[in-house]
Every structure is written in C-alpha cells, then in structure tokens.
Amino acid sequence: MIDLQLMALLLTPLMGGLLLAAFGSRSWAAELNSLMSFGTFIAAVVLTMRVIDSGPQVAFNEQFFIDQFNVFLVALTAFVAFTTSLFSRPYMRIEQHHGKLTTQMLHLYYSMYQLFTLAMLVALTSNNMGIIWVAMEAATLTTVLLVSLYRTPASIEAAWKYFILCGVGIALALFGTILLYFAAERVLGEGGTALLWTHLNQVKGSLEPTVLKLAFVFLLVGYGTKIGLVPLHSWLPDAHAEGPTPVSAVLSGLLLNVALCAVMRCKVLVDGALGTHLAGNLMMGFGLLSVVVAALFLSRQKDIKRMFAYSSIEHMGLVTFAFGMGGPVATFAAMLHMTVHSLTKSAIFFAVGHAVQKSGTQQMENIRGMMQVSPTVGWGLMLGTLAILGMPPFGVFASEFLIITTAMHDYPWATPILLIALGIAFAAIFGKVQPIVFGETTARRLPHQPALIPVFAHLLLVLILGLYMPPYLADWYRQAAALLGG
C-alpha cells in the first residue's frame, strides 16, 4: 500500500510536468498546474496519515523511506506548492498583460514548476543518499530556468550566479556522499545498500569516525549552499530579486527546507559515529553567522524582494542553529520554525508580488500606500511582516521563544548575539515595510483580481500554531525530534 501511495505522490507532479510540457501554451495551463498541484497535495495527505498511523515505512525495495521527519516536510512542501500554484494563476497573467512574459515563457514556467516539485519530493523521500544528491541537482537545474524566466540581463546574471555557486556546492556534496560510501562499504560491503540511509543508521556506530568527520564537512558546505548559509549565500538574494515572485515563494519556503533535511540525515549518522557534538557545533557556527550577517545586511536593502531574501537567510540560520543545539526542545522548535517560516515567508512573497505589480517597481522607496490601493494586499503584507518578525501571537514567536530559551539554558554565550541580531532585523524590516503599507501612493489598479486567499490562509495557520498546538501535531513533532536524536 505504501508503494502505491508514494507512487501517487511522485507520479502526479511528473505527469503534470509532462502534460504542461505538451499543453503549457494553452489558455487553461494555469488551471492544469493548480489541479496537478492539488493532486500532489492530496497524495501527500494520504501518505502522511499512513505514516502517522503505522510509523516509518520503506518502499520500492528500500529505495524510499518515509518517517515522521520527512513526511512532515512532504506535507508542507505539497501544501505550499499548491497554494503557490493558486497564486501563480492571476500573477503570471498580470505579468503577461504587462508584457514581461510571453506564452512560450509561461509554457516553460508551468512545466518546470511541476518538475521542481517532483525533484523536491524525491529528495525528501529517497532512502538513497546518492539519489538525494541527484534530486537536489535536478531541483537546481529546474530553478535555474525559472529564475531566468524574464530573460532580462539581470535575471540571466542571477541565474548564472545561482547555477555556478550551487553547482560548486552540489559538487562538494557529491564528494561528501562519496566519502560516506567509502566509510559504509567497509561495514556494509559493496553495492547499493551502502548508501541506503536506513542501513547506514543501523551501523552508524561502526563507521570510521575520521572519514565521517570529513564527509560531514563537505556535505554541510555543499548542501549549506542550497540552504543559503553564510558565507555561501550570495546567490539567494539575486535569485529572489530577479525571478518571478512565485519562484521566490517556493525557493524560500520549500527548497531551503529540503536541503536542510539532507544535512540533518547526515548529522544523525555523524553523531552516532563520533559520539561527540562536532556536527552540532559546526551547524551552530554556520547558523549563528548566518543570523548575524543577514540581520546586518537587511538595513542596507532597497529592493523589497532582496530584503525578504535576506530574512530567509536569517531564519534558516536560526533553524540550523537550533538543530545544531540538539535535544528534544531545540529540535521540536526547529521543526516548528521550519513550518511557520515556510508558511509566513511564502505569504509575504504573495503579498509582495502584488504590491510590486501595482507599483511597477521593486524599489521600496517607490512602493507606497498599499492600504489605500488594495487594503487586502496592505493587510497581508503588514500581518505577514509582523508574523515573520516574531510578534505574538503568531507561531514564529513561539518557535523563536523556544529556541532562545534553550540557548539561554545550554549555550548562554549565544543568547545576546541572537537577541541583538533579531532586534536589528526587526528594526530594519519594520521600518521599511511601514511606509510601504501606510504611505501616500500613486499605484495603479491591476488588470486581473489578485489571489489573496493563499496569503490569509497561510497567515491564519501561523496564527493558529501560535495560539494552539493541536495535540496530534505536537506528538508528530516530538516523534520526529526523537528520530533526529532530540
């Protein structure tokens, strides 16, 4: 049964990509894209219910593995991919109306969108560390085409920068995967099983510690490039600023989580092999550096999408730091923060996309008075900003509170650094967003009604998670934390 459910999850975006490659130029391509994304979401819900009821599962001769950790990311990925596809319908049509996109560009966008979703789901569900690497490379290639969609000099430059930096990163991750196989074959023997994570996890105490140390460094740096950890982050603001806004939403809300999932799988193995906190210390170092650098860069941004791209770097640094601390509370908080960040940041990009279309620019000094032109866009942007800045009662406050209190208890030296960085980020973002929402404006009305249901649906979920954590969801996070050694 699990094989059929997983097949439905993976074949739906694959079929969507093939159908949209054939019919992506038709007038109903946007509706087909949303329909296939909805099918993927339903398949993810069914698979999630199965894993919650029956526990971790392997499928297709152990090539795929689903447990409470990755199935939670599968459900999150499918949901945000679906809501982003709904947002894409009017957004991309407005871009076409403004002459920024042609029918051929939309054809490419819809087909690549489905294949990008497929690549992320394969990376999340694969049990084979080599296939995870291949899926991450496929996700890179599809998003390169999406970032360069506008075919402007700036978008092509951003796509090349993304391709080259992430190509170097993924090459380093490949070397780390080879080292992991080198350590595993001495215990498990030659063959495909030496790269299966479930087999590696069973014998992690017997793996050569020195090789595992070196492998984790390469894997952390390699996949850390995809996460956007400082100093490997420079592609991310450019890709967000120059690509279509729906691509910014899925890059920031989904792809960074997928890369972090791969790092966490490796961390579990290294912790078991070394019996020390080396992997956690490395993650804490990269995470803390990312939070501080991103906070300092936020105040210098003039492009609204670049500003929220640096916000993504800050929050992924915070999640990486939390996972590095380890323990049940920090790991629980990290997964909660991954959830609320994905929902909030994608909602912000939805609102930002329509604000940019109304103003005709991404320069914040020229975007003013959204509350006058479109109160729903204005409220969506303001509420999303308050949520991502950690204001109560939104869920980001709950997850950041847990992370900071854990740091106070276990690593008190890091607490003032985190608090100062978060304070700088708060002042920078709020100070720039407030005139965008409430200032005087000359913005124009849009030719198509914007899709704002996804914005408020995401923010409502984040609000609920801040006020009330459903018991089954809390148990789910606790089980996933236990699987990660928390």
Protein backbone atom coordinates (compact mmCIF):
# COMPACT_ATOMS: atom_id res chain seq x y z
CA MET A 1 0.00 0.00 0.00
CA ILE A 2 2.81 2.42 0.86
CA ASP A 3 4.29 1.79 -2.60
CA LEU A 4 1.04 2.88 -4.26
CA GLN A 5 0.69 5.96 -2.07
CA LEU A 6 4.27 7.01 -2.72
CA MET A 7 3.85 6.32 -6.43
CA ALA A 8 0.80 8.61 -6.48
CA LEU A 9 2.80 11.32 -4.73
CA LEU A 10 5.66 11.21 -7.22
CA LEU A 11 3.81 10.41 -10.43
CA THR A 12 1.34 13.28 -10.06
CA PRO A 13 3.92 16.09 -10.48
CA LEU A 14 5.73 14.00 -13.11
CA MET A 15 2.54 13.66 -15.14
CA GLY A 16 1.85 17.34 -14.51
CA GLY A 17 5.25 18.27 -15.88
CA LEU A 18 4.77 16.13 -18.99
CA LEU A 19 1.24 17.39 -19.63
CA LEU A 20 2.27 21.00 -19.19
CA ALA A 21 5.30 20.44 -21.42
CA ALA A 22 2.81 19.37 -24.10
CA PHE A 23 -0.05 21.80 -23.38
CA GLY A 24 1.59 24.58 -21.37
CA SER A 25 0.83 27.19 -24.02
CA ARG A 26 -2.93 26.67 -23.79
CA SER A 27 -5.14 29.18 -22.02
CA TRP A 28 -6.03 26.64 -19.33
CA ALA A 29 -2.43 25.74 -18.44
CA ALA A 30 -2.61 27.69 -15.17
CA GLU A 31 -5.69 25.73 -14.10
CA LEU A 32 -3.99 22.44 -15.03
CA ASN A 33 -0.93 23.46 -12.99
CA SER A 34 -3.13 24.12 -9.95
CA LEU A 35 -5.07 20.88 -10.48
CA MET A 36 -1.90 18.76 -10.60
CA SER A 37 -0.51 20.56 -7.53
CA PHE A 38 -3.78 19.86 -5.71
CA GLY A 39 -3.49 16.18 -6.65
CA THR A 40 0.04 16.12 -5.24
CA PHE A 41 -1.22 17.69 -2.01
CA ILE A 42 -3.98 15.08 -1.63
CA ALA A 43 -1.44 12.30 -2.21
CA ALA A 44 0.81 13.87 0.45
CA VAL A 45 -2.08 13.98 2.95
CA VAL A 46 -2.88 10.30 2.37
CA LEU A 47 0.79 9.34 2.75
CA THR A 48 1.09 11.43 5.92
CA MET A 49 -1.92 9.75 7.51
CA ARG A 50 -0.42 6.35 6.71
CA VAL A 51 2.91 7.16 8.34
CA ILE A 52 1.23 8.69 11.41
CA ASP A 53 -0.84 5.50 11.84
CA SER A 54 1.83 2.91 11.01
CA GLY A 55 5.18 4.56 11.73
CA PRO A 56 8.23 4.73 9.45
CA GLN A 57 7.91 2.86 6.15
CA VAL A 58 10.23 1.73 3.35
CA ALA A 59 9.08 1.38 -0.24
CA PHE A 60 10.30 0.16 -3.62
CA ASN A 61 12.91 -2.28 -2.37
CA GLU A 62 14.07 0.13 0.35
CA GLN A 63 14.95 2.87 -2.15
CA PHE A 64 12.46 5.20 -0.47
CA PHE A 65 12.00 5.78 3.24
CA ILE A 66 9.22 7.76 4.95
CA ASP A 67 9.27 8.64 8.63
CA GLN A 68 7.75 11.35 10.82
CA PHE A 69 10.50 13.83 9.95
CA ASN A 70 10.46 13.78 6.17
CA VAL A 71 6.71 13.16 5.82
CA PHE A 72 6.06 16.39 7.72
CA LEU A 73 8.22 18.19 5.15
CA VAL A 74 6.45 16.33 2.32
CA ALA A 75 3.08 17.59 3.56
CA LEU A 76 4.42 21.13 3.99
CA THR A 77 6.04 21.10 0.55
CA ALA A 78 2.91 19.83 -1.20
CA PHE A 79 0.68 22.34 0.58
CA VAL A 80 2.83 25.40 -0.18
CA ALA A 81 3.37 24.21 -3.76
CA PHE A 82 -0.42 24.01 -4.18
CA THR A 83 -1.16 27.44 -2.69
CA THR A 84 1.67 28.96 -4.74
CA SER A 85 0.14 27.49 -7.89
CA LEU A 86 -3.13 29.23 -6.98
CA PHE A 87 -1.26 32.49 -6.50
CA SER A 88 0.52 31.95 -9.83
CA ARG A 89 -2.68 31.98 -11.89
CA PRO A 90 -3.52 35.70 -11.71
CA TYR A 91 0.07 36.77 -11.01
CA MET A 92 1.53 35.29 -14.20
CA ARG A 93 -1.40 36.54 -16.27
CA ILE A 94 -0.79 40.08 -14.98
CA GLU A 95 2.90 39.71 -15.89
CA GLN A 96 1.86 38.63 -19.39
CA HIS A 97 -0.58 41.56 -19.60
CA HIS A 98 2.27 43.93 -18.68
CA GLY A 99 4.39 42.44 -21.48
CA LYS A 100 7.01 40.86 -19.20
CA LEU A 101 6.18 37.28 -20.22
CA THR A 102 5.26 35.58 -23.47
CA THR A 103 3.16 32.47 -23.96
CA GLN A 104 6.34 30.45 -24.52
CA MET A 105 7.77 31.69 -21.21
CA LEU A 106 4.59 30.65 -19.40
CA HIS A 107 4.82 27.26 -21.11
CA LEU A 108 8.32 26.80 -19.63
CA TYR A 109 7.25 28.10 -16.22
CA TYR A 110 4.34 25.70 -15.71
CA SER A 111 6.22 22.59 -16.83
CA MET A 112 9.33 23.44 -14.77
CA TYR A 113 7.17 24.23 -11.74
CA GLN A 114 5.82 20.66 -11.66
CA LEU A 115 9.25 19.12 -12.25
CA PHE A 116 10.71 21.27 -9.48
CA THR A 117 8.02 19.97 -7.12
CA LEU A 118 8.88 16.41 -8.19
CA ALA A 119 12.60 16.95 -7.54
CA MET A 120 11.95 18.25 -4.02
CA LEU A 121 9.63 15.34 -3.17
CA VAL A 122 12.16 12.78 -4.45
CA ALA A 123 14.91 14.43 -2.38
CA LEU A 124 12.72 14.30 0.72
CA THR A 125 11.54 10.70 0.37
CA SER A 126 14.60 8.92 -1.05
CA ASN A 127 16.41 6.50 1.22
CA ASN A 128 19.48 6.55 -1.04
CA MET A 129 21.97 9.31 -0.25
CA GLY A 130 23.11 9.26 -3.88
CA ILE A 131 19.57 9.74 -5.20
CA ILE A 132 19.09 12.61 -2.75
CA TRP A 133 22.10 14.27 -4.36
CA VAL A 134 20.71 13.68 -7.85
CA ALA A 135 17.31 15.12 -6.86
CA MET A 136 18.96 18.20 -5.35
CA GLU A 137 20.85 18.73 -8.61
CA ALA A 138 17.59 18.34 -10.56
CA ALA A 139 15.96 20.93 -8.31
CA THR A 140 18.86 23.29 -9.05
CA LEU A 141 18.53 22.87 -12.82
CA THR A 142 14.78 23.44 -12.86
CA THR A 143 15.00 26.54 -10.68
CA VAL A 144 17.81 27.99 -12.82
CA LEU A 145 15.35 28.01 -15.72
CA LEU A 146 12.67 29.56 -13.52
CA VAL A 147 14.94 32.30 -12.14
CA SER A 148 15.95 33.31 -15.68
CA LEU A 149 12.35 33.30 -16.93
CA TYR A 150 12.15 37.04 -17.68
CA ARG A 151 15.27 36.83 -19.90
CA THR A 152 16.49 40.25 -18.77
CA PRO A 153 20.25 40.78 -18.34
CA ALA A 154 19.78 40.92 -14.54
CA SER A 155 17.72 37.71 -14.40
CA ILE A 156 20.17 35.82 -16.63
CA GLU A 157 23.08 37.02 -14.48
CA ALA A 158 21.24 35.92 -11.32
CA ALA A 159 20.50 32.50 -12.87
CA TRP A 160 24.14 32.00 -13.86
CA LYS A 161 25.29 33.04 -10.39
CA TYR A 162 22.82 30.60 -8.87
CA PHE A 163 23.90 27.83 -11.24
CA ILE A 164 27.63 28.30 -10.69
CA LEU A 165 27.56 28.71 -6.89
CA CYS A 166 25.08 25.91 -6.31
CA GLY A 167 26.91 23.79 -8.87
CA VAL A 168 30.10 24.14 -6.85
CA GLY A 169 28.13 23.43 -3.67
CA ILE A 170 26.48 20.35 -5.08
CA ALA A 171 29.89 19.10 -6.28
CA LEU A 172 31.20 19.37 -2.73
CA ALA A 173 28.10 17.49 -1.52
CA LEU A 174 28.88 14.78 -4.08
CA PHE A 175 32.39 14.41 -2.68
CA GLY A 176 30.90 14.14 0.81
CA THR A 177 28.50 11.44 -0.42
CA ILE A 178 31.42 9.51 -1.94
CA LEU A 179 33.27 9.68 1.38
CA LEU A 180 30.13 8.45 3.13
CA TYR A 181 30.02 5.46 0.77
CA PHE A 182 33.73 4.85 1.34
CA ALA A 183 33.10 4.59 5.08
CA ALA A 184 29.97 2.49 4.66
CA GLU A 185 31.28 -0.13 2.24
CA ARG A 186 33.79 -1.34 4.82
CA VAL A 187 30.90 -2.23 7.11
CA LEU A 188 28.02 -2.99 4.73
CA GLY A 189 30.02 -4.25 1.76
CA GLU A 190 29.94 -3.01 -1.81
CA GLY A 191 26.62 -2.38 -3.53
CA GLY A 192 23.59 -0.15 -3.33
CA THR A 193 22.84 -0.84 0.33
CA ALA A 194 25.95 1.10 1.40
CA LEU A 195 24.16 4.34 0.51
CA LEU A 196 20.76 3.49 1.98
CA TRP A 197 20.18 5.74 4.97
CA THR A 198 18.26 3.12 6.97
CA HIS A 199 21.19 0.69 6.65
CA LEU A 200 23.71 3.39 7.48
CA ASN A 201 21.69 4.38 10.54
CA GLN A 202 21.77 0.80 11.84
CA VAL A 203 25.57 0.57 11.67
CA LYS A 204 26.47 4.23 12.31
CA GLY A 205 28.39 3.29 15.46
CA SER A 206 30.73 1.13 13.36
CA LEU A 207 31.52 3.71 10.67
CA GLU A 208 35.02 5.17 10.52
CA PRO A 209 34.85 8.43 12.56
CA THR A 210 37.63 10.28 10.70
CA VAL A 211 36.02 9.68 7.31
CA LEU A 212 32.60 10.67 8.68
CA LYS A 213 34.01 13.97 10.00
CA LEU A 214 35.41 14.85 6.60
CA ALA A 215 32.25 13.71 4.83
CA PHE A 216 30.04 15.87 7.02
CA VAL A 217 32.16 18.97 6.40
CA PHE A 218 31.75 18.54 2.64
CA LEU A 219 28.05 17.71 2.94
CA LEU A 220 27.36 20.67 5.24
CA VAL A 221 29.19 23.11 2.97
CA GLY A 222 27.66 21.58 -0.16
CA TYR A 223 24.05 21.43 0.96
CA GLY A 224 24.59 24.56 3.05
CA THR A 225 24.99 26.42 -0.24
CA LYS A 226 21.43 25.39 -1.10
CA ILE A 227 20.22 26.35 2.38
CA GLY A 228 21.75 29.81 1.92
CA LEU A 229 24.06 29.68 4.93
CA VAL A 230 26.64 32.48 5.17
CA PRO A 231 29.19 32.70 3.54
CA LEU A 232 27.59 30.53 0.83
CA HIS A 233 24.51 32.70 0.46
CA SER A 234 25.24 35.27 -2.22
CA TRP A 235 23.15 33.59 -4.94
CA LEU A 236 19.96 33.71 -2.89
CA PRO A 237 19.16 37.46 -2.83
CA ASP A 238 19.81 37.75 -6.58
CA ALA A 239 17.66 34.73 -7.41
CA HIS A 240 14.79 36.06 -5.31
CA ALA A 241 15.03 39.58 -6.71
CA GLU A 242 15.20 38.67 -10.40
CA GLY A 243 12.96 35.60 -10.67
CA PRO A 244 9.14 35.59 -10.71
CA THR A 245 7.61 36.04 -7.26
CA PRO A 246 6.05 32.52 -7.17
CA VAL A 247 9.58 31.15 -7.65
CA SER A 248 10.76 33.29 -4.71
CA ALA A 249 7.97 31.81 -2.59
CA VAL A 250 8.88 28.17 -3.30
CA LEU A 251 12.63 28.81 -3.13
CA SER A 252 12.39 30.49 0.25
CA GLY A 253 9.55 28.41 1.66
CA LEU A 254 10.48 24.96 0.38
CA LEU A 255 13.85 24.35 -1.27
CA LEU A 256 15.85 25.62 1.71
CA ASN A 257 13.98 23.13 3.94
CA VAL A 258 14.74 20.25 1.57
CA ALA A 259 18.47 20.97 1.65
CA LEU A 260 18.39 21.22 5.45
CA CYS A 261 16.62 17.84 5.61
CA ALA A 262 19.56 16.28 3.74
CA VAL A 263 22.00 17.85 6.21
CA MET A 264 20.03 16.50 9.16
CA ARG A 265 20.08 12.97 7.75
CA CYS A 266 23.87 13.24 7.61
CA LYS A 267 24.09 14.75 11.11
CA VAL A 268 22.28 11.74 12.62
CA LEU A 269 24.91 9.43 11.12
CA VAL A 270 27.85 11.57 12.21
CA ASP A 271 26.54 11.94 15.76
CA GLY A 272 26.20 8.16 16.02
CA ALA A 273 29.67 7.52 14.60
CA LEU A 274 31.56 10.12 16.62
CA GLY A 275 29.64 10.24 19.88
CA THR A 276 30.56 13.94 20.10
CA HIS A 277 28.86 17.26 19.34
CA LEU A 278 31.12 18.13 16.38
CA ALA A 279 28.34 18.18 13.78
CA GLY A 280 26.12 20.23 16.06
CA ASN A 281 28.90 22.72 16.75
CA LEU A 282 29.51 23.22 13.02
CA MET A 283 25.81 23.77 12.41
CA MET A 284 25.58 26.19 15.32
CA GLY A 285 28.55 28.16 13.99
CA PHE A 286 27.17 28.44 10.44
CA GLY A 287 23.68 29.16 11.75
CA LEU A 288 24.74 31.92 14.14
CA LEU A 289 26.94 33.54 11.50
CA SER A 290 24.02 33.49 9.05
CA VAL A 291 21.65 35.14 11.55
CA VAL A 292 24.12 37.94 12.33
CA VAL A 293 25.24 38.68 8.76
CA ALA A 294 21.69 38.59 7.35
CA ALA A 295 20.46 40.94 10.09
CA LEU A 296 23.23 43.43 9.30
CA PHE A 297 22.55 43.31 5.55
CA LEU A 298 18.81 43.83 5.97
CA SER A 299 19.13 47.54 6.75
CA ARG A 300 21.06 48.15 3.50
CA GLN A 301 18.48 46.71 1.13
CA LYS A 302 16.49 48.88 -1.26
CA ASP A 303 14.81 46.08 -3.23
CA ILE A 304 11.87 44.59 -1.34
CA LYS A 305 12.40 41.03 -2.60
CA ARG A 306 16.10 41.14 -1.75
CA MET A 307 15.21 42.31 1.75
CA PHE A 308 12.94 39.34 2.38
CA ALA A 309 15.54 37.05 0.79
CA TYR A 310 17.99 38.13 3.50
CA SER A 311 15.21 37.50 6.01
CA SER A 312 15.09 33.91 4.73
CA ILE A 313 18.84 33.58 5.28
CA GLU A 314 18.36 34.85 8.84
CA HIS A 315 15.57 32.39 9.63
CA MET A 316 17.29 29.38 8.04
CA GLY A 317 20.35 30.29 10.08
CA LEU A 318 18.17 30.27 13.19
CA VAL A 319 16.76 26.83 12.30
CA THR A 320 20.26 25.48 11.59
CA PHE A 321 21.45 26.83 14.95
CA ALA A 322 18.52 25.15 16.71
CA PHE A 323 19.17 21.80 15.04
CA GLY A 324 22.83 22.19 15.94
CA MET A 325 21.99 22.63 19.64
CA GLY A 326 20.08 19.34 19.56
CA GLY A 327 17.91 18.00 22.33
CA PRO A 328 14.15 17.48 22.32
CA VAL A 329 13.12 21.12 22.85
CA ALA A 330 15.52 22.69 20.34
CA THR A 331 14.74 20.09 17.68
CA PHE A 332 11.00 20.49 18.27
CA ALA A 333 11.40 24.27 17.98
CA ALA A 334 13.47 23.96 14.80
CA MET A 335 10.78 21.90 13.06
CA LEU A 336 8.07 24.28 14.23
CA HIS A 337 10.13 27.19 12.92
CA MET A 338 10.60 25.46 9.55
CA THR A 339 6.82 25.14 9.32
CA VAL A 340 5.87 28.68 10.31
CA HIS A 341 8.70 30.24 8.29
CA SER A 342 7.63 28.41 5.14
CA LEU A 343 4.01 29.45 5.57
CA THR A 344 4.77 33.04 6.56
CA LYS A 345 7.51 33.79 4.04
CA SER A 346 5.51 32.40 1.12
CA ALA A 347 2.51 34.52 2.22
CA ILE A 348 4.77 37.59 2.36
CA PHE A 349 6.07 36.95 -1.15
CA PHE A 350 2.49 36.56 -2.39
CA ALA A 351 1.62 39.98 -0.98
CA VAL A 352 4.92 41.49 -2.16
CA GLY A 353 4.30 40.17 -5.68
CA HIS A 354 1.00 42.01 -5.99
CA ALA A 355 2.44 45.16 -4.35
CA VAL A 356 5.25 45.18 -6.91
CA GLN A 357 2.81 44.70 -9.76
CA LYS A 358 0.67 47.59 -8.53
CA SER A 359 3.66 49.92 -8.13
CA GLY A 360 5.60 48.77 -11.18
CA THR A 361 8.86 48.61 -9.23
CA GLN A 362 10.68 46.56 -6.59
CA GLN A 363 12.43 49.60 -5.13
CA MET A 364 10.93 50.14 -1.69
CA GLU A 365 11.17 53.93 -1.85
CA ASN A 366 8.72 53.88 -4.78
CA ILE A 367 6.22 51.44 -3.24
CA ARG A 368 3.82 53.33 -1.01
CA GLY A 369 0.30 53.27 0.33
CA MET A 370 -0.77 49.70 -0.29
CA MET A 371 -3.51 50.16 2.27
CA GLN A 372 -5.12 52.81 0.03
CA VAL A 373 -4.81 50.97 -3.28
CA SER A 374 -5.62 47.48 -2.02
CA PRO A 375 -6.34 47.06 1.69
CA THR A 376 -6.16 43.27 1.40
CA VAL A 377 -2.64 43.42 -0.07
CA GLY A 378 -1.66 46.01 2.54
CA TRP A 379 -3.02 43.98 5.46
CA GLY A 380 -1.49 40.79 4.06
CA LEU A 381 1.94 42.41 3.83
CA MET A 382 1.75 44.04 7.27
CA LEU A 383 0.44 40.97 9.07
CA GLY A 384 2.98 38.77 7.30
CA THR A 385 5.76 41.15 8.30
CA LEU A 386 4.65 41.18 11.94
CA ALA A 387 4.46 37.39 11.88
CA ILE A 388 7.94 36.87 10.40
CA LEU A 389 9.41 39.37 12.88
CA GLY A 390 8.24 37.14 15.73
CA MET A 391 5.43 39.25 17.12
CA PRO A 392 2.98 37.36 19.35
CA PRO A 393 0.60 35.64 18.99
CA PHE A 394 1.95 34.28 15.67
CA GLY A 395 3.70 30.90 15.56
CA VAL A 396 7.11 32.41 14.74
CA PHE A 397 7.11 33.95 18.24
CA ALA A 398 6.52 30.52 19.81
CA SER A 399 9.32 28.81 17.88
CA GLU A 400 11.81 31.67 18.41
CA PHE A 401 10.94 31.77 22.13
CA LEU A 402 11.71 28.05 22.45
CA ILE A 403 14.98 28.40 20.53
CA ILE A 404 16.19 31.38 22.57
CA THR A 405 15.21 29.92 25.95
CA THR A 406 17.01 26.68 25.05
CA ALA A 407 20.07 28.71 24.08
CA MET A 408 19.85 30.55 27.44
CA HIS A 409 19.96 27.23 29.25
CA ASP A 410 22.52 25.32 27.19
CA TYR A 411 24.61 27.99 25.40
CA PRO A 412 24.18 31.27 27.29
CA TRP A 413 27.04 32.93 25.36
CA ALA A 414 24.94 32.74 22.15
CA THR A 415 21.81 34.32 23.63
CA PRO A 416 22.86 38.02 23.48
CA ILE A 417 24.15 37.55 19.93
CA LEU A 418 20.81 36.11 18.83
CA LEU A 419 18.78 38.77 20.63
CA ILE A 420 20.80 41.66 19.19
CA ALA A 421 20.64 40.21 15.67
CA LEU A 422 16.88 39.64 15.89
CA GLY A 423 16.44 43.19 17.23
CA ILE A 424 18.40 44.65 14.30
CA ALA A 425 16.35 42.59 11.85
CA PHE A 426 13.10 43.72 13.45
CA ALA A 427 14.03 47.41 13.23
CA ALA A 428 15.25 47.13 9.64
CA ILE A 429 12.26 45.26 8.21
CA PHE A 430 9.52 47.03 10.15
CA GLY A 431 10.99 50.45 9.40
CA LYS A 432 10.96 49.73 5.66
CA VAL A 433 7.58 47.99 5.43
CA GLN A 434 5.57 50.56 7.43
CA PRO A 435 5.68 53.33 4.74
CA ILE A 436 5.07 50.73 2.02
CA VAL A 437 1.77 49.88 3.65
CA PHE A 438 0.62 53.25 5.05
CA GLY A 439 2.33 55.93 2.91
CA GLU A 440 0.91 58.06 0.09
CA THR A 441 0.70 56.29 -3.24
CA THR A 442 0.38 56.64 -6.99
CA ALA A 443 -0.03 52.90 -7.62
CA ARG A 444 -2.48 51.66 -10.24
CA ARG A 445 -5.16 49.01 -10.24
CA LEU A 446 -4.32 45.60 -11.66
CA PRO A 447 -5.94 44.16 -14.81
CA HIS A 448 -6.73 40.88 -13.01
CA GLN A 449 -8.02 40.32 -9.48
CA PRO A 450 -5.07 39.24 -7.27
CA ALA A 451 -5.12 35.87 -5.48
CA LEU A 452 -5.11 36.75 -1.80
CA ILE A 453 -6.79 33.68 -0.31
CA PRO A 454 -3.39 31.88 -0.10
CA VAL A 455 -1.93 34.86 1.79
CA PHE A 456 -4.53 34.85 4.56
CA ALA A 457 -4.82 31.04 4.62
CA HIS A 458 -1.10 30.80 5.40
CA LEU A 459 -1.22 33.57 7.99
CA LEU A 460 -4.26 32.00 9.66
CA LEU A 461 -2.37 28.71 10.03
CA VAL A 462 0.62 30.55 11.51
CA LEU A 463 -1.68 32.37 13.94
CA ILE A 464 -3.33 29.10 15.00
CA LEU A 465 0.08 27.50 15.60
CA GLY A 466 0.96 30.47 17.81
CA LEU A 467 -2.22 30.23 19.88
CA TYR A 468 -2.86 26.49 19.97
CA MET A 469 -0.76 23.49 19.05
CA PRO A 470 -3.02 20.54 18.15
CA PRO A 471 -2.00 17.52 20.27
CA TYR A 472 -1.54 15.24 17.26
CA LEU A 473 0.78 17.81 15.64
CA ALA A 474 2.79 18.21 18.84
CA ASP A 475 3.14 14.41 19.08
CA TRP A 476 4.20 14.34 15.44
CA TYR A 477 6.96 16.88 16.07
CA ARG A 478 8.09 15.01 19.20
CA GLN A 479 8.35 11.72 17.29
CA ALA A 480 10.34 13.43 14.53
CA ALA A 481 12.61 15.04 17.14
CA ALA A 482 13.24 11.61 18.69
CA LEU A 483 14.18 10.21 15.27
CA LEU A 484 16.73 13.00 14.88
CA GLY A 485 18.25 12.24 18.24
CA GLY A 486 16.45 15.07 20.03
